[in-house]
Amino acid sequence: MQLSDLTARVPRFLRSFYFYTGLGFLVWMFVFDANDLLKQYDMYAKLQELQTEKQYYLDNIEVVKRERAELLSSPELLEKFAREKYIMKRPGEDVFVLVPQAEE
């Protein structure tokens, strides 16, 4: 069995310079490049995470806008909000803040 017989059995495209050049290019792009497949996957996962966070914050913005509109429309609700959140009081009132005891 001669070397020429072995090379004759190999398909012609596998003996081509362009095949090896293309194969080398693909290996370089998939393994050694700065934007290889692993980094592309990580960036895609990060994109999905950021899109989820974006939707969460957009939903929260809607809730805050709705609450703000309610507060600005009614002086009673504004007073209630100030008393509960910022512990504000009217002149002459005493405010007692009850803090739960921390468990050990």
N, C-alpha and C. Protein backbone atom coordinates (compact mmCIF):
# COMPACT_ATOMS: atom_id res chain seq x y z
N MET A 1 0.86 -1.17 0.00
CA MET A 1 0.00 0.00 0.00
C MET A 1 0.91 1.23 0.00
N GLN A 2 0.75 2.00 -1.00
CA GLN A 2 1.58 3.18 -1.20
C GLN A 2 0.92 4.41 -0.58
N LEU A 3 1.72 5.44 -0.37
CA LEU A 3 1.21 6.72 0.15
C LEU A 3 0.24 7.35 -0.84
N SER A 4 0.49 7.18 -2.11
CA SER A 4 -0.41 7.74 -3.11
C SER A 4 -1.77 7.04 -3.08
N ASP A 5 -1.79 5.74 -2.72
CA ASP A 5 -3.06 5.02 -2.59
C ASP A 5 -3.87 5.57 -1.42
N LEU A 6 -3.18 5.90 -0.31
CA LEU A 6 -3.89 6.46 0.85
C LEU A 6 -4.44 7.84 0.55
N THR A 7 -3.68 8.66 -0.14
CA THR A 7 -4.16 10.00 -0.47
C THR A 7 -5.27 9.95 -1.50
N ALA A 8 -5.31 8.92 -2.31
CA ALA A 8 -6.37 8.79 -3.30
C ALA A 8 -7.69 8.44 -2.62
N ARG A 9 -7.64 7.75 -1.48
CA ARG A 9 -8.86 7.38 -0.77
C ARG A 9 -9.48 8.57 -0.02
N VAL A 10 -8.68 9.56 0.32
CA VAL A 10 -9.16 10.73 1.04
C VAL A 10 -9.94 11.61 0.05
N PRO A 11 -11.13 12.05 0.43
CA PRO A 11 -11.89 12.91 -0.49
C PRO A 11 -11.09 14.15 -0.88
N ARG A 12 -11.38 14.64 -2.05
CA ARG A 12 -10.60 15.74 -2.62
C ARG A 12 -10.70 17.02 -1.78
N PHE A 13 -11.89 17.31 -1.23
CA PHE A 13 -12.04 18.56 -0.47
C PHE A 13 -11.22 18.54 0.82
N LEU A 14 -10.94 17.33 1.38
CA LEU A 14 -10.11 17.24 2.58
C LEU A 14 -8.63 17.49 2.28
N ARG A 15 -8.24 17.40 1.01
CA ARG A 15 -6.84 17.65 0.64
C ARG A 15 -6.62 19.09 0.21
N SER A 16 -7.66 19.90 0.28
CA SER A 16 -7.58 21.26 -0.23
C SER A 16 -6.97 22.21 0.80
N PHE A 17 -6.19 23.16 0.31
CA PHE A 17 -5.62 24.22 1.14
C PHE A 17 -6.74 25.08 1.74
N TYR A 18 -7.78 25.31 1.00
CA TYR A 18 -8.89 26.14 1.47
C TYR A 18 -9.66 25.47 2.61
N PHE A 19 -9.76 24.16 2.57
CA PHE A 19 -10.41 23.44 3.66
C PHE A 19 -9.64 23.64 4.96
N TYR A 20 -8.33 23.48 4.92
CA TYR A 20 -7.52 23.66 6.13
C TYR A 20 -7.51 25.11 6.59
N THR A 21 -7.50 26.03 5.67
CA THR A 21 -7.56 27.45 6.03
C THR A 21 -8.89 27.76 6.70
N GLY A 22 -9.99 27.29 6.14
CA GLY A 22 -11.31 27.50 6.73
C GLY A 22 -11.45 26.82 8.07
N LEU A 23 -10.91 25.62 8.19
CA LEU A 23 -10.95 24.90 9.46
C LEU A 23 -10.14 25.65 10.52
N GLY A 24 -8.99 26.13 10.14
CA GLY A 24 -8.18 26.92 11.08
C GLY A 24 -8.90 28.19 11.50
N PHE A 25 -9.57 28.84 10.57
CA PHE A 25 -10.33 30.05 10.88
C PHE A 25 -11.46 29.76 11.87
N LEU A 26 -12.20 28.68 11.64
CA LEU A 26 -13.30 28.32 12.53
C LEU A 26 -12.79 27.97 13.93
N VAL A 27 -11.68 27.23 14.00
CA VAL A 27 -11.12 26.90 15.32
C VAL A 27 -10.70 28.18 16.02
N TRP A 28 -10.06 29.08 15.28
CA TRP A 28 -9.64 30.35 15.89
C TRP A 28 -10.85 31.14 16.41
N MET A 29 -11.91 31.22 15.63
CA MET A 29 -13.08 32.01 16.01
C MET A 29 -13.82 31.38 17.19
N PHE A 30 -13.91 30.05 17.22
CA PHE A 30 -14.68 29.39 18.27
C PHE A 30 -13.90 29.20 19.56
N VAL A 31 -12.58 29.19 19.52
CA VAL A 31 -11.80 28.86 20.70
C VAL A 31 -10.91 30.01 21.17
N PHE A 32 -10.16 30.61 20.27
CA PHE A 32 -9.13 31.56 20.68
C PHE A 32 -9.53 33.02 20.57
N ASP A 33 -10.56 33.35 19.87
CA ASP A 33 -10.93 34.74 19.64
C ASP A 33 -11.43 35.40 20.94
N ALA A 34 -11.40 36.72 20.97
CA ALA A 34 -11.87 37.47 22.15
C ALA A 34 -13.37 37.29 22.35
N ASN A 35 -14.10 36.99 21.31
CA ASN A 35 -15.55 36.79 21.40
C ASN A 35 -15.90 35.34 21.08
N ASP A 36 -15.27 34.41 21.77
CA ASP A 36 -15.51 33.00 21.50
C ASP A 36 -16.90 32.57 21.97
N LEU A 37 -17.22 31.32 21.77
CA LEU A 37 -18.57 30.83 22.06
C LEU A 37 -18.93 30.95 23.54
N LEU A 38 -17.99 30.68 24.43
CA LEU A 38 -18.27 30.77 25.86
C LEU A 38 -18.63 32.20 26.26
N LYS A 39 -17.89 33.15 25.76
CA LYS A 39 -18.20 34.55 26.08
C LYS A 39 -19.51 34.98 25.45
N GLN A 40 -19.80 34.50 24.27
CA GLN A 40 -21.07 34.83 23.63
C GLN A 40 -22.24 34.30 24.46
N TYR A 41 -22.10 33.08 24.99
CA TYR A 41 -23.14 32.51 25.83
C TYR A 41 -23.31 33.31 27.12
N ASP A 42 -22.19 33.68 27.74
CA ASP A 42 -22.25 34.48 28.97
C ASP A 42 -22.92 35.83 28.72
N MET A 43 -22.58 36.45 27.60
CA MET A 43 -23.18 37.75 27.28
C MET A 43 -24.68 37.61 27.00
N TYR A 44 -25.09 36.52 26.37
CA TYR A 44 -26.50 36.28 26.11
C TYR A 44 -27.27 36.07 27.42
N ALA A 45 -26.67 35.31 28.35
CA ALA A 45 -27.30 35.09 29.66
C ALA A 45 -27.42 36.40 30.42
N LYS A 46 -26.40 37.23 30.36
CA LYS A 46 -26.44 38.53 31.04
C LYS A 46 -27.51 39.42 30.41
N LEU A 47 -27.65 39.36 29.09
CA LEU A 47 -28.69 40.14 28.41
C LEU A 47 -30.07 39.72 28.89
N GLN A 48 -30.31 38.43 29.01
CA GLN A 48 -31.61 37.94 29.48
C GLN A 48 -31.87 38.41 30.91
N GLU A 49 -30.85 38.37 31.74
CA GLU A 49 -30.99 38.82 33.13
C GLU A 49 -31.31 40.31 33.19
N LEU A 50 -30.63 41.10 32.38
CA LEU A 50 -30.87 42.54 32.37
C LEU A 50 -32.27 42.88 31.83
N GLN A 51 -32.74 42.13 30.85
CA GLN A 51 -34.09 42.36 30.34
C GLN A 51 -35.14 42.04 31.40
N THR A 52 -34.89 41.00 32.20
CA THR A 52 -35.80 40.67 33.29
C THR A 52 -35.82 41.79 34.33
N GLU A 53 -34.62 42.28 34.68
CA GLU A 53 -34.54 43.39 35.63
C GLU A 53 -35.22 44.64 35.09
N LYS A 54 -35.08 44.88 33.81
CA LYS A 54 -35.70 46.06 33.19
C LYS A 54 -37.22 45.98 33.33
N GLN A 55 -37.78 44.81 33.07
CA GLN A 55 -39.23 44.64 33.21
C GLN A 55 -39.66 44.84 34.66
N TYR A 56 -38.89 44.34 35.61
CA TYR A 56 -39.19 44.51 37.03
C TYR A 56 -39.24 45.99 37.38
N TYR A 57 -38.23 46.75 36.94
CA TYR A 57 -38.19 48.17 37.27
C TYR A 57 -39.28 48.96 36.56
N LEU A 58 -39.62 48.57 35.34
CA LEU A 58 -40.73 49.25 34.65
C LEU A 58 -42.04 49.03 35.39
N ASP A 59 -42.24 47.82 35.90
CA ASP A 59 -43.45 47.54 36.68
C ASP A 59 -43.46 48.36 37.97
N ASN A 60 -42.31 48.45 38.63
CA ASN A 60 -42.24 49.25 39.85
C ASN A 60 -42.49 50.73 39.58
N ILE A 61 -42.02 51.22 38.46
CA ILE A 61 -42.27 52.62 38.11
C ILE A 61 -43.76 52.88 37.98
N GLU A 62 -44.47 51.94 37.37
CA GLU A 62 -45.92 52.10 37.23
C GLU A 62 -46.61 52.14 38.59
N VAL A 63 -46.18 51.27 39.50
CA VAL A 63 -46.76 51.24 40.84
C VAL A 63 -46.50 52.56 41.56
N VAL A 64 -45.28 53.06 41.47
CA VAL A 64 -44.93 54.31 42.15
C VAL A 64 -45.71 55.48 41.55
N LYS A 65 -45.87 55.50 40.24
CA LYS A 65 -46.64 56.58 39.60
C LYS A 65 -48.09 56.56 40.08
N ARG A 66 -48.65 55.37 40.19
CA ARG A 66 -50.03 55.24 40.64
C ARG A 66 -50.17 55.73 42.09
N GLU A 67 -49.23 55.30 42.95
CA GLU A 67 -49.28 55.74 44.35
C GLU A 67 -49.08 57.25 44.46
N ARG A 68 -48.20 57.80 43.66
CA ARG A 68 -47.96 59.24 43.69
C ARG A 68 -49.21 60.01 43.28
N ALA A 69 -49.88 59.52 42.24
CA ALA A 69 -51.10 60.18 41.79
C ALA A 69 -52.16 60.14 42.89
N GLU A 70 -52.26 59.02 43.60
CA GLU A 70 -53.22 58.92 44.71
C GLU A 70 -52.88 59.90 45.82
N LEU A 71 -51.60 59.97 46.17
CA LEU A 71 -51.19 60.85 47.27
C LEU A 71 -51.43 62.31 46.94
N LEU A 72 -51.13 62.71 45.73
CA LEU A 72 -51.28 64.11 45.36
C LEU A 72 -52.74 64.51 45.16
N SER A 73 -53.61 63.53 44.99
CA SER A 73 -55.02 63.85 44.75
C SER A 73 -55.80 64.05 46.04
N SER A 74 -55.31 63.51 47.14
CA SER A 74 -56.06 63.57 48.39
C SER A 74 -55.17 64.03 49.54
N PRO A 75 -55.52 65.15 50.18
CA PRO A 75 -54.72 65.61 51.32
C PRO A 75 -54.76 64.64 52.51
N GLU A 76 -55.86 63.92 52.67
CA GLU A 76 -55.96 62.96 53.76
C GLU A 76 -54.96 61.81 53.57
N LEU A 77 -54.86 61.32 52.34
CA LEU A 77 -53.92 60.24 52.06
C LEU A 77 -52.48 60.73 52.20
N LEU A 78 -52.23 61.96 51.81
CA LEU A 78 -50.89 62.52 51.93
C LEU A 78 -50.49 62.61 53.41
N GLU A 79 -51.42 63.04 54.23
CA GLU A 79 -51.15 63.13 55.67
C GLU A 79 -50.91 61.73 56.26
N LYS A 80 -51.73 60.77 55.86
CA LYS A 80 -51.57 59.40 56.35
C LYS A 80 -50.21 58.83 55.94
N PHE A 81 -49.82 59.09 54.71
CA PHE A 81 -48.53 58.61 54.21
C PHE A 81 -47.38 59.24 55.00
N ALA A 82 -47.45 60.54 55.23
CA ALA A 82 -46.40 61.23 55.98
C ALA A 82 -46.31 60.71 57.41
N ARG A 83 -47.45 60.46 58.01
CA ARG A 83 -47.44 59.96 59.39
C ARG A 83 -46.86 58.55 59.47
N GLU A 84 -47.19 57.69 58.52
CA GLU A 84 -46.74 56.31 58.57
C GLU A 84 -45.29 56.15 58.13
N LYS A 85 -44.92 56.77 57.04
CA LYS A 85 -43.58 56.55 56.49
C LYS A 85 -42.52 57.41 57.17
N TYR A 86 -42.83 58.65 57.43
CA TYR A 86 -41.82 59.57 57.93
C TYR A 86 -42.03 59.97 59.39
N ILE A 87 -42.97 59.31 60.07
CA ILE A 87 -43.27 59.52 61.48
C ILE A 87 -43.44 61.01 61.79
N MET A 88 -44.22 61.67 60.98
CA MET A 88 -44.51 63.09 61.20
C MET A 88 -45.70 63.20 62.15
N LYS A 89 -45.85 64.37 62.77
CA LYS A 89 -46.93 64.56 63.73
C LYS A 89 -47.42 66.00 63.66
N ARG A 90 -48.58 66.18 64.20
CA ARG A 90 -49.14 67.53 64.31
C ARG A 90 -48.57 68.19 65.56
N PRO A 91 -48.59 69.52 65.62
CA PRO A 91 -48.09 70.18 66.84
C PRO A 91 -48.93 69.77 68.05
N GLY A 92 -48.26 69.46 69.15
CA GLY A 92 -48.95 69.08 70.38
C GLY A 92 -49.23 67.59 70.49
N GLU A 93 -48.92 66.80 69.46
CA GLU A 93 -49.14 65.36 69.52
C GLU A 93 -47.87 64.66 69.97
N ASP A 94 -48.04 63.52 70.58
CA ASP A 94 -46.91 62.68 70.93
C ASP A 94 -46.96 61.45 70.04
N VAL A 95 -45.80 61.06 69.50
CA VAL A 95 -45.72 59.89 68.63
C VAL A 95 -44.89 58.83 69.34
N PHE A 96 -45.44 57.64 69.43
CA PHE A 96 -44.74 56.53 70.03
C PHE A 96 -44.43 55.52 68.94
N VAL A 97 -43.17 55.18 68.77
CA VAL A 97 -42.76 54.21 67.77
C VAL A 97 -42.42 52.92 68.49
N LEU A 98 -43.13 51.86 68.12
CA LEU A 98 -42.90 50.56 68.74
C LEU A 98 -41.98 49.75 67.83
N VAL A 99 -40.85 49.37 68.36
CA VAL A 99 -39.88 48.59 67.60
C VAL A 99 -39.89 47.17 68.17
N PRO A 100 -40.10 46.17 67.33
CA PRO A 100 -40.10 44.79 67.84
C PRO A 100 -38.72 44.40 68.36
N GLN A 101 -38.72 43.60 69.42
CA GLN A 101 -37.47 43.19 70.03
C GLN A 101 -36.82 42.13 69.15
N ALA A 102 -35.52 42.27 68.92
CA ALA A 102 -34.80 41.32 68.07
C ALA A 102 -34.64 40.00 68.79
N GLU A 103 -34.84 38.92 68.08
CA GLU A 103 -34.67 37.59 68.66
C GLU A 103 -33.20 37.25 68.69
N GLU A 104 -32.79 36.55 69.72
CA GLU A 104 -31.37 36.18 69.86
C GLU A 104 -31.11 34.81 69.30
